[in-house]
PDB file of N, CA and C in Angstrom:
ATOM      1  N   MET A   1       7.790 -30.925-219.009  1.00  0.00           N
ATOM      2  CA  MET A   1       6.614 -30.465-218.318  1.00  0.00           C
ATOM      3  C   MET A   1       6.937 -29.345-217.342  1.00  0.00           C
ATOM      4  N   LYS A   2       8.070 -29.457-216.672  1.00  0.00           N
ATOM      5  CA  LYS A   2       8.436 -28.444-215.692  1.00  0.00           C
ATOM      6  C   LYS A   2       8.668 -27.092-216.365  1.00  0.00           C
ATOM      7  N   ASN A   3       9.193 -27.097-217.573  1.00  0.00           N
ATOM      8  CA  ASN A   3       9.437 -25.847-218.277  1.00  0.00           C
ATOM      9  C   ASN A   3       8.135 -25.102-218.590  1.00  0.00           C
ATOM     10  N   PHE A   4       7.086 -25.834-218.921  1.00  0.00           N
ATOM     11  CA  PHE A   4       5.799 -25.213-219.213  1.00  0.00           C
ATOM     12  C   PHE A   4       5.203 -24.559-217.974  1.00  0.00           C
ATOM     13  N   ILE A   5       5.352 -25.165-216.835  1.00  0.00           N
ATOM     14  CA  ILE A   5       4.812 -24.611-215.591  1.00  0.00           C
ATOM     15  C   ILE A   5       5.522 -23.298-215.263  1.00  0.00           C
ATOM     16  N   LEU A   6       6.837 -23.249-215.455  1.00  0.00           N
ATOM     17  CA  LEU A   6       7.582 -22.032-215.170  1.00  0.00           C
ATOM     18  C   LEU A   6       7.185 -20.915-216.122  1.00  0.00           C
ATOM     19  N   LEU A   7       6.959 -21.238-217.384  1.00  0.00           N
ATOM     20  CA  LEU A   7       6.558 -20.223-218.352  1.00  0.00           C
ATOM     21  C   LEU A   7       5.180 -19.670-218.031  1.00  0.00           C
ATOM     22  N   ASP A   8       4.253 -20.517-217.590  1.00  0.00           N
ATOM     23  CA  ASP A   8       2.916 -20.064-217.228  1.00  0.00           C
ATOM     24  C   ASP A   8       2.976 -19.124-216.021  1.00  0.00           C
ATOM     25  N   ALA A   9       3.795 -19.429-215.041  1.00  0.00           N
ATOM     26  CA  ALA A   9       3.922 -18.587-213.850  1.00  0.00           C
ATOM     27  C   ALA A   9       4.523 -17.230-214.216  1.00  0.00           C
ATOM     28  N   ALA A  10       5.519 -17.226-215.112  1.00  0.00           N
ATOM     29  CA  ALA A  10       6.143 -15.976-215.524  1.00  0.00           C
ATOM     30  C   ALA A  10       5.155 -15.108-216.306  1.00  0.00           C
ATOM     31  N   ALA A  11       4.363 -15.685-217.156  1.00  0.00           N
ATOM     32  CA  ALA A  11       3.379 -14.945-217.936  1.00  0.00           C
ATOM     33  C   ALA A  11       2.300 -14.372-217.023  1.00  0.00           C
ATOM     34  N   GLY A  12       1.895 -15.084-216.009  1.00  0.00           N
ATOM     35  CA  GLY A  12       0.889 -14.591-215.068  1.00  0.00           C
ATOM     36  C   GLY A  12       1.399 -13.404-214.278  1.00  0.00           C
ATOM     37  N   GLY A  13       2.645 -13.394-213.899  1.00  0.00           N
ATOM     38  CA  GLY A  13       3.228 -12.273-213.164  1.00  0.00           C
ATOM     39  C   GLY A  13       3.278 -11.014-214.004  1.00  0.00           C
ATOM     40  N   ALA A  14       3.589 -11.134-215.276  1.00  0.00           N
ATOM     41  CA  ALA A  14       3.646  -9.979-216.164  1.00  0.00           C
ATOM     42  C   ALA A  14       2.246  -9.403-216.384  1.00  0.00           C
ATOM     43  N   GLY A  15       1.230 -10.221-216.427  1.00  0.00           N
ATOM     44  CA  GLY A  15      -0.152  -9.763-216.596  1.00  0.00           C
ATOM     45  C   GLY A  15      -0.605  -8.943-215.407  1.00  0.00           C
ATOM     46  N   GLY A  16      -0.205  -9.323-214.208  1.00  0.00           N
ATOM     47  CA  GLY A  16      -0.557  -8.559-213.010  1.00  0.00           C
ATOM     48  C   GLY A  16       0.070  -7.182-213.015  1.00  0.00           C
ATOM     49  N   PHE A  17       1.306  -7.109-213.437  1.00  0.00           N
ATOM     50  CA  PHE A  17       1.994  -5.821-213.504  1.00  0.00           C
ATOM     51  C   PHE A  17       1.340  -4.918-214.541  1.00  0.00           C
ATOM     52  N   SER A  18       0.942  -5.468-215.653  1.00  0.00           N
ATOM     53  CA  SER A  18       0.315  -4.683-216.710  1.00  0.00           C
ATOM     54  C   SER A  18      -1.054  -4.168-216.251  1.00  0.00           C
ATOM     55  N   GLY A  19      -1.765  -4.934-215.442  1.00  0.00           N
ATOM     56  CA  GLY A  19      -3.059  -4.482-214.905  1.00  0.00           C
ATOM     57  C   GLY A  19      -2.887  -3.287-213.983  1.00  0.00           C
ATOM     58  N   ILE A  20      -1.880  -3.342-213.122  1.00  0.00           N
ATOM     59  CA  ILE A  20      -1.606  -2.227-212.217  1.00  0.00           C
ATOM     60  C   ILE A  20      -1.191  -0.995-213.018  1.00  0.00           C
ATOM     61  N   PHE A  21      -0.388  -1.200-214.051  1.00  0.00           N
ATOM     62  CA  PHE A  21       0.053  -0.104-214.904  1.00  0.00           C
ATOM     63  C   PHE A  21      -1.143   0.563-215.590  1.00  0.00           C
ATOM     64  N   MET A  22      -2.094  -0.227-216.069  1.00  0.00           N
ATOM     65  CA  MET A  22      -3.282   0.320-216.734  1.00  0.00           C
ATOM     66  C   MET A  22      -4.126   1.142-215.759  1.00  0.00           C
ATOM     67  N   ILE A  23      -4.265   0.665-214.529  1.00  0.00           N
ATOM     68  CA  ILE A  23      -5.027   1.399-213.518  1.00  0.00           C
ATOM     69  C   ILE A  23      -4.341   2.730-213.225  1.00  0.00           C
ATOM     70  N   LEU A  24      -3.024   2.695-213.148  1.00  0.00           N
ATOM     71  CA  LEU A  24      -2.256   3.914-212.911  1.00  0.00           C
ATOM     72  C   LEU A  24      -2.436   4.911-214.056  1.00  0.00           C
ATOM     73  N   ILE A  25      -2.406   4.426-215.283  1.00  0.00           N
ATOM     74  CA  ILE A  25      -2.625   5.281-216.464  1.00  0.00           C
ATOM     75  C   ILE A  25      -4.027   5.892-216.416  1.00  0.00           C
ATOM     76  N   LEU A  26      -5.033   5.105-216.059  1.00  0.00           N
ATOM     77  CA  LEU A  26      -6.400   5.619-215.961  1.00  0.00           C
ATOM     78  C   LEU A  26      -6.492   6.717-214.903  1.00  0.00           C
ATOM     79  N   PHE A  27      -5.835   6.526-213.783  1.00  0.00           N
ATOM     80  CA  PHE A  27      -5.858   7.538-212.728  1.00  0.00           C
ATOM     81  C   PHE A  27      -5.214   8.831-213.209  1.00  0.00           C
ATOM     82  N   VAL A  28      -4.104   8.754-213.922  1.00  0.00           N
ATOM     83  CA  VAL A  28      -3.438   9.954-214.443  1.00  0.00           C
ATOM     84  C   VAL A  28      -4.346  10.675-215.434  1.00  0.00           C
ATOM     85  N   ILE A  29      -4.985   9.939-216.323  1.00  0.00           N
ATOM     86  CA  ILE A  29      -5.908  10.539-217.288  1.00  0.00           C
ATOM     87  C   ILE A  29      -7.077  11.200-216.563  1.00  0.00           C
ATOM     88  N   PHE A  30      -7.629  10.503-215.576  1.00  0.00           N
ATOM     89  CA  PHE A  30      -8.739  11.038-214.784  1.00  0.00           C
ATOM     90  C   PHE A  30      -8.322  12.339-214.092  1.00  0.00           C
ATOM     91  N   TYR A  31      -7.114  12.371-213.553  1.00  0.00           N
ATOM     92  CA  TYR A  31      -6.618  13.562-212.871  1.00  0.00           C
ATOM     93  C   TYR A  31      -6.545  14.748-213.831  1.00  0.00           C
ATOM     94  N   PHE A  32      -5.951  14.562-215.003  1.00  0.00           N
ATOM     95  CA  PHE A  32      -5.753  15.681-215.919  1.00  0.00           C
ATOM     96  C   PHE A  32      -7.036  16.143-216.607  1.00  0.00           C
ATOM     97  N   PHE A  33      -8.034  15.274-216.739  1.00  0.00           N
ATOM     98  CA  PHE A  33      -9.263  15.675-217.413  1.00  0.00           C
ATOM     99  C   PHE A  33     -10.398  16.026-216.469  1.00  0.00           C
ATOM    100  N   MET A  34     -10.328  15.605-215.200  1.00  0.00           N
ATOM    101  CA  MET A  34     -11.436  15.856-214.278  1.00  0.00           C
ATOM    102  C   MET A  34     -11.020  16.676-213.057  1.00  0.00           C
ATOM    103  N   ILE A  35     -10.021  16.248-212.351  1.00  0.00           N
ATOM    104  CA  ILE A  35      -9.667  16.864-211.073  1.00  0.00           C
ATOM    105  C   ILE A  35      -8.968  18.205-211.275  1.00  0.00           C
ATOM    106  N   ARG A  36      -7.979  18.253-212.115  1.00  0.00           N
ATOM    107  CA  ARG A  36      -7.186  19.473-212.299  1.00  0.00           C
ATOM    108  C   ARG A  36      -8.022  20.652-212.816  1.00  0.00           C
ATOM    109  N   PRO A  37      -8.876  20.474-213.843  1.00  0.00           N
ATOM    110  CA  PRO A  37      -9.705  21.612-214.286  1.00  0.00           C
ATOM    111  C   PRO A  37     -10.657  22.097-213.191  1.00  0.00           C
ATOM    112  N   GLN A  38     -11.170  21.174-212.387  1.00  0.00           N
ATOM    113  CA  GLN A  38     -12.072  21.563-211.307  1.00  0.00           C
ATOM    114  C   GLN A  38     -11.324  22.390-210.262  1.00  0.00           C
ATOM    115  N   GLN A  39     -10.085  22.015-209.961  1.00  0.00           N
ATOM    116  CA  GLN A  39      -9.280  22.776-209.008  1.00  0.00           C
ATOM    117  C   GLN A  39      -8.990  24.180-209.539  1.00  0.00           C
ATOM    118  N   LYS A  40      -8.721  24.295-210.833  1.00  0.00           N
ATOM    119  CA  LYS A  40      -8.485  25.605-211.433  1.00  0.00           C
ATOM    120  C   LYS A  40      -9.724  26.486-211.326  1.00  0.00           C
ATOM    121  N   LEU A  41     -10.884  25.907-211.598  1.00  0.00           N
ATOM    122  CA  LEU A  41     -12.138  26.652-211.520  1.00  0.00           C
ATOM    123  C   LEU A  41     -12.382  27.130-210.093  1.00  0.00           C
ATOM    124  N   GLN A  42     -12.166  26.264-209.104  1.00  0.00           N
ATOM    125  CA  GLN A  42     -12.353  26.646-207.709  1.00  0.00           C
ATOM    126  C   GLN A  42     -11.399  27.775-207.320  1.00  0.00           C
ATOM    127  N   LYS A  43     -10.181  27.719-207.819  1.00  0.00           N
ATOM    128  CA  LYS A  43      -9.189  28.757-207.531  1.00  0.00           C
ATOM    129  C   LYS A  43      -9.641  30.095-208.108  1.00  0.00           C
ATOM    130  N   GLU A  44     -10.173  30.092-209.335  1.00  0.00           N
ATOM    131  CA  GLU A  44     -10.661  31.321-209.959  1.00  0.00           C
ATOM    132  C   GLU A  44     -11.846  31.904-209.196  1.00  0.00           C
ATOM    133  N   ILE A  45     -12.764  31.049-208.746  1.00  0.00           N
ATOM    134  CA  ILE A  45     -13.923  31.518-207.993  1.00  0.00           C
ATOM    135  C   ILE A  45     -13.475  32.122-206.662  1.00  0.00           C
ATOM    136  N   ARG A  46     -12.523  31.473-205.987  1.00  0.00           N
ATOM    137  CA  ARG A  46     -12.011  31.991-204.717  1.00  0.00           C
ATOM    138  C   ARG A  46     -11.345  33.356-204.935  1.00  0.00           C
ATOM    139  N   LYS A  47     -10.569  33.463-206.009  1.00  0.00           N
ATOM    140  CA  LYS A  47      -9.891  34.719-206.336  1.00  0.00           C
ATOM    141  C   LYS A  47     -10.916  35.823-206.606  1.00  0.00           C
ATOM    142  N   PHE A  48     -11.986  35.477-207.321  1.00  0.00           N
ATOM    143  CA  PHE A  48     -13.048  36.436-207.614  1.00  0.00           C
ATOM    144  C   PHE A  48     -13.696  36.929-206.329  1.00  0.00           C
ATOM    145  N   ARG A  49     -14.025  36.001-205.430  1.00  0.00           N
ATOM    146  CA  ARG A  49     -14.695  36.383-204.180  1.00  0.00           C
ATOM    147  C   ARG A  49     -13.814  37.276-203.315  1.00  0.00           C
ATOM    148  N   GLU A  50     -12.516  37.038-203.342  1.00  0.00           N
ATOM    149  CA  GLU A  50     -11.609  37.879-202.571  1.00  0.00           C
ATOM    150  C   GLU A  50     -11.494  39.280-203.168  1.00  0.00           C
ATOM    151  N   SER A  51     -11.711  39.415-204.475  1.00  0.00           N
ATOM    152  CA  SER A  51     -11.585  40.708-205.132  1.00  0.00           C
ATOM    153  C   SER A  51     -12.869  41.538-205.066  1.00  0.00           C
ATOM    154  N   LEU A  52     -13.960  40.962-204.577  1.00  0.00           N
ATOM    155  CA  LEU A  52     -15.215  41.702-204.518  1.00  0.00           C
ATOM    156  C   LEU A  52     -15.121  42.851-203.532  1.00  0.00           C
ATOM    157  N   ASP A  53     -15.715  43.957-203.906  1.00  0.00           N
ATOM    158  CA  ASP A  53     -15.702  45.139-203.063  1.00  0.00           C
ATOM    159  C   ASP A  53     -17.067  45.805-203.175  1.00  0.00           C
ATOM    160  N   ARG A  54     -17.227  46.832-202.433  1.00  0.00           N
ATOM    161  CA  ARG A  54     -18.478  47.580-202.434  1.00  0.00           C
ATOM    162  C   ARG A  54     -18.805  48.075-203.848  1.00  0.00           C
ATOM    163  N   GLY A  55     -20.041  47.889-204.266  1.00  0.00           N
ATOM    164  CA  GLY A  55     -20.467  48.340-205.587  1.00  0.00           C
ATOM    165  C   GLY A  55     -20.397  47.262-206.666  1.00  0.00           C
ATOM    166  N   SER A  56     -19.813  46.100-206.365  1.00  0.00           N
ATOM    167  CA  SER A  56     -19.720  45.017-207.354  1.00  0.00           C
ATOM    168  C   SER A  56     -21.095  44.377-207.555  1.00  0.00           C
ATOM    169  N   LYS A  57     -21.402  44.066-208.799  1.00  0.00           N
ATOM    170  CA  LYS A  57     -22.665  43.389-209.105  1.00  0.00           C
ATOM    171  C   LYS A  57     -22.439  41.888-209.034  1.00  0.00           C
ATOM    172  N   VAL A  58     -23.348  41.192-208.341  1.00  0.00           N
ATOM    173  CA  VAL A  58     -23.203  39.754-208.129  1.00  0.00           C
ATOM    174  C   VAL A  58     -24.542  39.052-208.283  1.00  0.00           C
ATOM    175  N   VAL A  59     -24.454  37.719-208.338  1.00  0.00           N
ATOM    176  CA  VAL A  59     -25.629  36.856-208.345  1.00  0.00           C
ATOM    177  C   VAL A  59     -25.429  35.842-207.235  1.00  0.00           C
ATOM    178  N   THR A  60     -26.453  35.614-206.433  1.00  0.00           N
ATOM    179  CA  THR A  60     -26.347  34.611-205.371  1.00  0.00           C
ATOM    180  C   THR A  60     -26.620  33.229-205.954  1.00  0.00           C
ATOM    181  N   ALA A  61     -26.337  32.209-205.168  1.00  0.00           N
ATOM    182  CA  ALA A  61     -26.581  30.836-205.613  1.00  0.00           C
ATOM    183  C   ALA A  61     -28.072  30.598-205.851  1.00  0.00           C
ATOM    184  N   GLY A  62     -28.919  31.382-205.188  1.00  0.00           N
ATOM    185  CA  GLY A  62     -30.367  31.265-205.377  1.00  0.00           C
ATOM    186  C   GLY A  62     -30.886  32.037-206.572  1.00  0.00           C
ATOM    187  N   GLY A  63     -30.003  32.760-207.283  1.00  0.00           N
ATOM    188  CA  GLY A  63     -30.401  33.480-208.486  1.00  0.00           C
ATOM    189  C   GLY A  63     -30.826  34.913-208.239  1.00  0.00           C
ATOM    190  N   ILE A  64     -30.492  35.475-207.084  1.00  0.00           N
ATOM    191  CA  ILE A  64     -30.860  36.851-206.777  1.00  0.00           C
ATOM    192  C   ILE A  64     -29.737  37.777-207.235  1.00  0.00           C
ATOM    193  N   TYR A  65     -30.086  38.751-208.067  1.00  0.00           N
ATOM    194  CA  TYR A  65     -29.127  39.732-208.560  1.00  0.00           C
ATOM    195  C   TYR A  65     -29.097  40.917-207.604  1.00  0.00           C
ATOM    196  N   GLY A  66     -27.902  41.446-207.377  1.00  0.00           N
ATOM    197  CA  GLY A  66     -27.794  42.596-206.502  1.00  0.00           C
ATOM    198  C   GLY A  66     -26.433  43.244-206.581  1.00  0.00           C
ATOM    199  N   THR A  67     -26.266  44.277-205.761  1.00  0.00           N
ATOM    200  CA  THR A  67     -25.015  45.026-205.690  1.00  0.00           C
ATOM    201  C   THR A  67     -24.511  44.971-204.254  1.00  0.00           C
ATOM    202  N   ILE A  68     -23.230  44.721-204.090  1.00  0.00           N
ATOM    203  CA  ILE A  68     -22.664  44.622-202.748  1.00  0.00           C
ATOM    204  C   ILE A  68     -22.678  45.993-202.098  1.00  0.00           C
ATOM    205  N   LYS A  69     -23.264  46.038-200.914  1.00  0.00           N
ATOM    206  CA  LYS A  69     -23.362  47.276-200.163  1.00  0.00           C
ATOM    207  C   LYS A  69     -22.320  47.317-199.050  1.00  0.00           C
ATOM    208  N   GLU A  70     -21.998  46.141-198.502  1.00  0.00           N
ATOM    209  CA  GLU A  70     -21.063  46.071-197.384  1.00  0.00           C
ATOM    210  C   GLU A  70     -20.374  44.705-197.391  1.00  0.00           C
ATOM    211  N   VAL A  71     -19.074  44.685-197.070  1.00  0.00           N
ATOM    212  CA  VAL A  71     -18.298  43.445-197.035  1.00  0.00           C
ATOM    213  C   VAL A  71     -17.911  43.163-195.590  1.00  0.00           C
ATOM    214  N   ARG A  72     -18.224  41.967-195.122  1.00  0.00           N
ATOM    215  CA  ARG A  72     -17.855  41.536-193.767  1.00  0.00           C
ATOM    216  C   ARG A  72     -16.924  40.335-193.870  1.00  0.00           C
ATOM    217  N   ASP A  73     -16.543  39.752-192.733  1.00  0.00           N
ATOM    218  CA  ASP A  73     -15.609  38.626-192.725  1.00  0.00           C
ATOM    219  C   ASP A  73     -16.145  37.402-193.456  1.00  0.00           C
ATOM    220  N   THR A  74     -17.382  37.004-193.144  1.00  0.00           N
ATOM    221  CA  THR A  74     -17.917  35.766-193.720  1.00  0.00           C
ATOM    222  C   THR A  74     -19.133  35.976-194.607  1.00  0.00           C
ATOM    223  N   TYR A  75     -19.602  37.206-194.719  1.00  0.00           N
ATOM    224  CA  TYR A  75     -20.798  37.444-195.529  1.00  0.00           C
ATOM    225  C   TYR A  75     -20.762  38.838-196.156  1.00  0.00           C
ATOM    226  N   PHE A  76     -21.691  39.030-197.095  1.00  0.00           N
ATOM    227  CA  PHE A  76     -21.883  40.322-197.747  1.00  0.00           C
ATOM    228  C   PHE A  76     -23.274  40.834-197.414  1.00  0.00           C
ATOM    229  N   ILE A  77     -23.430  42.141-197.380  1.00  0.00           N
ATOM    230  CA  ILE A  77     -24.751  42.762-197.371  1.00  0.00           C
ATOM    231  C   ILE A  77     -24.981  43.198-198.815  1.00  0.00           C
ATOM    232  N   ILE A  78     -26.026  42.635-199.422  1.00  0.00           N
ATOM    233  CA  ILE A  78     -26.306  42.892-200.833  1.00  0.00           C
ATOM    234  C   ILE A  78     -27.622  43.642-200.958  1.00  0.00           C
ATOM    235  N   GLU A  79     -27.587  44.720-201.713  1.00  0.00           N
ATOM    236  CA  GLU A  79     -28.804  45.488-201.974  1.00  0.00           C
ATOM    237  C   GLU A  79     -29.441  44.930-203.240  1.00  0.00           C
ATOM    238  N   ILE A  80     -30.669  44.435-203.104  1.00  0.00           N
ATOM    239  CA  ILE A  80     -31.342  43.821-204.255  1.00  0.00           C
ATOM    240  C   ILE A  80     -32.365  44.762-204.883  1.00  0.00           C
ATOM    241  N   SER A  81     -32.735  45.796-204.158  1.00  0.00           N
ATOM    242  CA  SER A  81     -33.636  46.820-204.658  1.00  0.00           C
ATOM    243  C   SER A  81     -33.420  48.062-203.799  1.00  0.00           C
ATOM    244  N   ASN A  82     -33.983  49.174-204.199  1.00  0.00           N
ATOM    245  CA  ASN A  82     -33.810  50.394-203.404  1.00  0.00           C
ATOM    246  C   ASN A  82     -34.333  50.179-201.990  1.00  0.00           C
ATOM    247  N   GLY A  83     -33.433  50.254-201.024  1.00  0.00           N
ATOM    248  CA  GLY A  83     -33.818  50.106-199.621  1.00  0.00           C
ATOM    249  C   GLY A  83     -34.004  48.679-199.149  1.00  0.00           C
ATOM    250  N   VAL A  84     -33.788  47.690-200.013  1.00  0.00           N
ATOM    251  CA  VAL A  84     -33.951  46.282-199.633  1.00  0.00           C
ATOM    252  C   VAL A  84     -32.585  45.602-199.681  1.00  0.00           C
ATOM    253  N   SER A  85     -32.120  45.175-198.501  1.00  0.00           N
ATOM    254  CA  SER A  85     -30.808  44.527-198.416  1.00  0.00           C
ATOM    255  C   SER A  85     -30.941  43.160-197.777  1.00  0.00           C
ATOM    256  N   ILE A  86     -30.072  42.249-198.198  1.00  0.00           N
ATOM    257  CA  ILE A  86     -30.038  40.914-197.609  1.00  0.00           C
ATOM    258  C   ILE A  86     -28.599  40.577-197.237  1.00  0.00           C
ATOM    259  N   ARG A  87     -28.464  39.660-196.285  1.00  0.00           N
ATOM    260  CA  ARG A  87     -27.147  39.190-195.883  1.00  0.00           C
ATOM    261  C   ARG A  87     -26.926  37.822-196.536  1.00  0.00           C
ATOM    262  N   VAL A  88     -25.799  37.687-197.246  1.00  0.00           N
ATOM    263  CA  VAL A  88     -25.519  36.474-198.009  1.00  0.00           C
ATOM    264  C   VAL A  88     -24.124  35.970-197.667  1.00  0.00           C
ATOM    265  N   ASP A  89     -24.001  34.676-197.468  1.00  0.00           N
ATOM    266  CA  ASP A  89     -22.707  34.051-197.203  1.00  0.00           C
ATOM    267  C   ASP A  89     -21.786  34.226-198.407  1.00  0.00           C
ATOM    268  N   LYS A  90     -20.493  34.430-198.138  1.00  0.00           N
ATOM    269  CA  LYS A  90     -19.537  34.657-199.230  1.00  0.00           C
ATOM    270  C   LYS A  90     -19.435  33.465-200.176  1.00  0.00           C
ATOM    271  N   GLY A  91     -19.702  32.269-199.686  1.00  0.00           N
ATOM    272  CA  GLY A  91     -19.591  31.073-200.522  1.00  0.00           C
ATOM    273  C   GLY A  91     -20.693  30.926-201.540  1.00  0.00           C
ATOM    274  N   SER A  92     -21.747  31.733-201.432  1.00  0.00           N
ATOM    275  CA  SER A  92     -22.864  31.586-202.363  1.00  0.00           C
ATOM    276  C   SER A  92     -23.003  32.781-203.303  1.00  0.00           C
ATOM    277  N   VAL A  93     -21.880  33.446-203.595  1.00  0.00           N
ATOM    278  CA  VAL A  93     -21.908  34.611-204.471  1.00  0.00           C
ATOM    279  C   VAL A  93     -21.059  34.349-205.709  1.00  0.00           C
ATOM    280  N   TYR A  94     -21.605  34.709-206.870  1.00  0.00           N
ATOM    281  CA  TYR A  94     -20.938  34.514-208.152  1.00  0.00           C
ATOM    282  C   TYR A  94     -21.005  35.818-208.942  1.00  0.00           C
ATOM    283  N   PRO A  95     -20.136  35.978-209.952  1.00  0.00           N
ATOM    284  CA  PRO A  95     -20.213  37.207-210.750  1.00  0.00           C
ATOM    285  C   PRO A  95     -21.517  37.248-211.543  1.00  0.00           C
ATOM    286  N   SER A  96     -22.055  38.437-211.744  1.00  0.00           N
ATOM    287  CA  SER A  96     -23.273  38.545-212.542  1.00  0.00           C
ATOM    288  C   SER A  96     -22.922  38.265-213.998  1.00  0.00           C
ATOM    289  N   ALA A  97     -23.898  37.883-214.776  1.00  0.00           N
ATOM    290  CA  ALA A  97     -23.680  37.563-216.189  1.00  0.00           C
ATOM    291  C   ALA A  97     -23.171  38.785-216.952  1.00  0.00           C
ATOM    292  N   GLU A  98     -23.656  39.961-216.600  1.00  0.00           N
ATOM    293  CA  GLU A  98     -23.225  41.186-217.268  1.00  0.00           C
ATOM    294  C   GLU A  98     -21.732  41.424-217.029  1.00  0.00           C
ATOM    295  N   ASP A  99     -21.302  41.296-215.764  1.00  0.00           N
ATOM    296  CA  ASP A  99     -19.891  41.514-215.440  1.00  0.00           C
ATOM    297  C   ASP A  99     -19.004  40.462-216.087  1.00  0.00           C
ATOM    298  N   ALA A 100     -19.473  39.223-216.123  1.00  0.00           N
ATOM    299  CA  ALA A 100     -18.687  38.158-216.740  1.00  0.00           C
ATOM    300  C   ALA A 100     -18.508  38.418-218.232  1.00  0.00           C
ATOM    301  N   ASN A 101     -19.569  38.875-218.892  1.00  0.00           N
ATOM    302  CA  ASN A 101     -19.481  39.184-220.325  1.00  0.00           C
ATOM    303  C   ASN A 101     -18.534  40.353-220.574  1.00  0.00           C
ATOM    304  N   GLN A 102     -18.596  41.376-219.721  1.00  0.00           N
ATOM    305  CA  GLN A 102     -17.700  42.516-219.881  1.00  0.00           C
ATOM    306  C   GLN A 102     -16.244  42.104-219.682  1.00  0.00           C
ATOM    307  N   ALA A 103     -15.986  41.263-218.688  1.00  0.00           N
ATOM    308  CA  ALA A 103     -14.627  40.799-218.425  1.00  0.00           C
ATOM    309  C   ALA A 103     -14.113  39.986-219.604  1.00  0.00           C
ATOM    310  N   ALA A 104     -14.981  39.165-220.189  1.00  0.00           N
ATOM    311  CA  ALA A 104     -14.580  38.348-221.333  1.00  0.00           C
ATOM    312  C   ALA A 104     -14.268  39.238-222.537  1.00  0.00           C
ATOM    313  N   GLN A 105     -15.078  40.257-222.762  1.00  0.00           N
ATOM    314  CA  GLN A 105     -14.833  41.164-223.882  1.00  0.00           C
ATOM    315  C   GLN A 105     -13.555  41.975-223.667  1.00  0.00           C
ATOM    316  N   ASN A 106     -13.319  42.413-222.451  1.00  0.00           N
ATOM    317  CA  ASN A 106     -12.085  43.149-222.152  1.00  0.00           C
ATOM    318  C   ASN A 106     -10.861  42.268-222.333  1.00  0.00           C
ATOM    319  N   GLY A 107     -10.983  40.999-221.999  1.00  0.00           N
ATOM    320  CA  GLY A 107      -9.884  40.058-222.178  1.00  0.00           C
ATOM    321  C   GLY A 107      -9.564  39.819-223.643  1.00  0.00           C
ATOM    322  N   GLU A 108     -10.597  39.811-224.491  1.00  0.00           N
ATOM    323  CA  GLU A 108     -10.393  39.603-225.922  1.00  0.00           C
ATOM    324  C   GLU A 108      -9.783  40.833-226.580  1.00  0.00           C
ATOM    325  N   GLN A 109     -10.116  42.020-226.086  1.00  0.00           N
ATOM    326  CA  GLN A 109      -9.633  43.247-226.691  1.00  0.00           C
ATOM    327  C   GLN A 109      -8.176  43.538-226.345  1.00  0.00           C
ATOM    328  N   LYS A 110      -7.672  42.988-225.263  1.00  0.00           N
ATOM    329  CA  LYS A 110      -6.293  43.245-224.851  1.00  0.00           C
ATOM    330  C   LYS A 110      -5.294  42.604-225.735  1.00  0.00           C
TER     331      LYS A 110
END
């Protein structure tokens, strides 16, 4: 009888270790399929925003298309029409669809 009790305790300990191992495997999979690609995307967007200069065509987070007229520390002055300019935070600016398509085509041709 004593031998059976020891075997049951040993089997229970191995099951606990396997559960922790499975959770660890899930976390690694989650990292490589969810977290890492998101970090890469954020890095590319940050790099894009740092490369923006006067004359670049952009789209704001609100969907307003315009051309950068002036670059400041934390915001851009964007001209959305002749004589109409708005001030937009740097965090809410994305490349325009036209520029993104041109960049993609240039990348394929190289």
